[in-house]
């Protein structure tokens, strides 16, 4: 079992930035593929991006490309989501998730989620 703990959410003004963290319980985390999802009120969960065990990033929402950046630091067992130029419509609960196969596969492990609220 892999446990994922998230941090970094909060309240930010439009145009601001946040960095979300997803930290794993195991040092084998470098072999996992890790994705970020978000779910806004009244909407279905959507997949934002994913980073593979080979450190290759894939974006799934074209309109977010350039504002949301995924990265990983295997020495810290952590994957990050850098959020920039935030807009009120970015308000959602953000989740990280992982699997041991590839970024297109079903995820077996999920973080607890963290709230991001963008408001003036």
Protein backbone atom coordinates (compact mmCIF):
# COMPACT_ATOMS: atom_id res chain seq x y z
CA UNK A 1 0.00 0.00 0.00
CA UNK A 2 1.13 3.50 -0.86
CA UNK A 3 -0.08 6.44 1.19
CA UNK A 4 -0.25 9.92 -0.34
CA UNK A 5 -0.45 13.05 1.80
CA UNK A 6 -1.32 16.38 0.22
CA UNK A 7 -0.59 19.93 1.33
CA UNK A 8 -0.37 23.47 -0.03
CA UNK A 9 -3.98 24.42 -0.66
CA UNK A 10 -5.68 27.52 0.59
CA UNK A 11 -7.26 30.85 -0.28
CA UNK A 12 -5.61 33.01 -2.93
CA UNK A 13 -6.59 36.12 -4.89
CA UNK A 14 -7.12 36.01 -8.65
CA UNK A 15 -3.78 36.16 -10.42
CA UNK A 16 -1.99 34.56 -7.51
CA UNK A 17 -0.03 31.33 -7.26
CA UNK A 18 0.06 28.20 -5.14
CA UNK A 19 2.18 25.08 -5.09
CA UNK A 20 0.49 21.84 -4.09
CA UNK A 21 2.49 18.91 -2.76
CA UNK A 22 1.82 15.17 -2.83
CA UNK A 23 4.20 13.23 -0.59
CA UNK A 24 4.37 9.43 -0.51
CA UNK A 25 5.08 7.08 2.37
CA UNK A 26 7.56 4.90 0.46
CA UNK A 27 10.94 5.52 -1.12
CA UNK A 28 9.84 3.33 -4.05
CA UNK A 29 7.68 6.30 -5.07
CA UNK A 30 10.07 7.03 -7.93
CA UNK A 31 8.62 4.00 -9.78
CA UNK A 32 5.07 5.35 -9.70
CA UNK A 33 3.18 7.49 -12.18
CA UNK A 34 1.40 10.37 -10.47
CA UNK A 35 -1.53 12.43 -11.71
CA UNK A 36 -3.38 15.52 -10.50
CA UNK A 37 -7.16 15.80 -10.62
CA UNK A 38 -9.62 18.46 -9.54
CA UNK A 39 -13.32 18.55 -8.77
CA UNK A 40 -15.29 21.79 -8.66
CA UNK A 41 -18.69 22.05 -6.94
CA UNK A 42 -21.40 20.47 -9.08
CA UNK A 43 -18.93 19.11 -11.62
CA UNK A 44 -17.30 15.76 -12.28
CA UNK A 45 -13.70 15.13 -11.39
CA UNK A 46 -11.32 15.94 -14.23
CA UNK A 47 -7.77 14.81 -14.87
CA UNK A 48 -5.35 17.73 -15.16
CA UNK A 49 -1.97 16.20 -15.89
CA UNK A 50 0.35 13.32 -15.02
CA UNK A 51 4.04 12.71 -14.61
CA UNK A 52 5.53 9.31 -15.35
CA UNK A 53 8.24 7.40 -13.54
CA UNK A 54 10.51 8.54 -16.39
CA UNK A 55 9.77 12.19 -15.48
CA UNK A 56 7.68 12.80 -18.62
CA UNK A 57 4.70 15.12 -18.17
CA UNK A 58 1.38 14.86 -20.01
CA UNK A 59 -1.31 17.55 -20.00
CA UNK A 60 -4.97 16.58 -20.37
CA UNK A 61 -6.60 20.03 -20.32
CA UNK A 62 -5.25 22.23 -23.08
CA UNK A 63 -6.54 25.46 -21.55
CA UNK A 64 -4.51 24.83 -18.38
CA UNK A 65 -1.26 24.12 -20.14
CA UNK A 66 1.23 26.84 -19.22
CA UNK A 67 -0.56 27.79 -15.99
CA UNK A 68 -0.46 24.41 -14.24
CA UNK A 69 2.86 22.58 -14.12
CA UNK A 70 3.55 19.13 -12.69
CA UNK A 71 6.99 18.10 -11.47
CA UNK A 72 8.58 15.56 -9.16
CA UNK A 73 11.42 15.38 -6.67
CA UNK A 74 12.11 11.72 -6.03
CA UNK A 75 14.63 12.49 -3.30
CA UNK A 76 11.75 14.00 -1.32
CA UNK A 77 9.19 11.38 -2.42
CA UNK A 78 7.08 14.30 -3.63
CA UNK A 79 5.18 15.39 -6.72
CA UNK A 80 4.18 19.03 -7.10
CA UNK A 81 1.51 20.95 -8.93
CA UNK A 82 2.45 24.59 -9.51
CA UNK A 83 -0.63 26.74 -10.01
CA UNK A 84 -0.14 30.21 -11.48
CA UNK A 85 -2.32 33.05 -12.77
CA UNK A 86 -5.19 31.58 -10.81
CA UNK A 87 -8.77 32.36 -11.73
CA UNK A 88 -11.99 32.01 -9.71
CA UNK A 89 -13.02 29.10 -11.94
CA UNK A 90 -9.96 27.20 -10.70
CA UNK A 91 -11.68 26.84 -7.32
CA UNK A 92 -11.93 23.13 -6.59
CA UNK A 93 -10.70 20.26 -4.48
CA UNK A 94 -7.42 19.03 -5.93
CA UNK A 95 -6.31 15.40 -5.66
CA UNK A 96 -3.16 13.49 -6.47
CA UNK A 97 -3.29 9.83 -7.49
CA UNK A 98 -0.75 7.15 -8.42
CA UNK A 99 -0.32 3.82 -10.15
CA UNK A 100 2.59 1.54 -10.99
CA UNK A 101 1.89 1.14 -14.72
CA UNK A 102 1.58 4.33 -16.77
CA UNK A 103 -0.27 7.63 -16.89
CA UNK A 104 -3.17 6.24 -18.94
CA UNK A 105 -4.10 3.57 -16.40
CA UNK A 106 -6.49 3.48 -13.48
CA UNK A 107 -5.02 4.87 -10.29
CA UNK A 108 -4.77 2.64 -7.23
CA UNK A 109 -3.74 5.21 -4.63
CA UNK A 110 -5.24 8.61 -3.85
CA UNK A 111 -4.40 11.55 -1.66
CA UNK A 112 -6.96 13.05 0.71
CA UNK A 113 -7.56 16.13 -1.43
CA UNK A 114 -6.90 19.78 -0.69
CA UNK A 115 -9.13 22.81 -1.22
CA UNK A 116 -8.02 25.63 -3.49
CA UNK A 117 -10.21 28.73 -3.37
CA UNK A 118 -9.57 31.67 -5.71
CA UNK A 119 -11.46 34.76 -4.63
CA UNK A 120 -10.99 38.47 -4.06
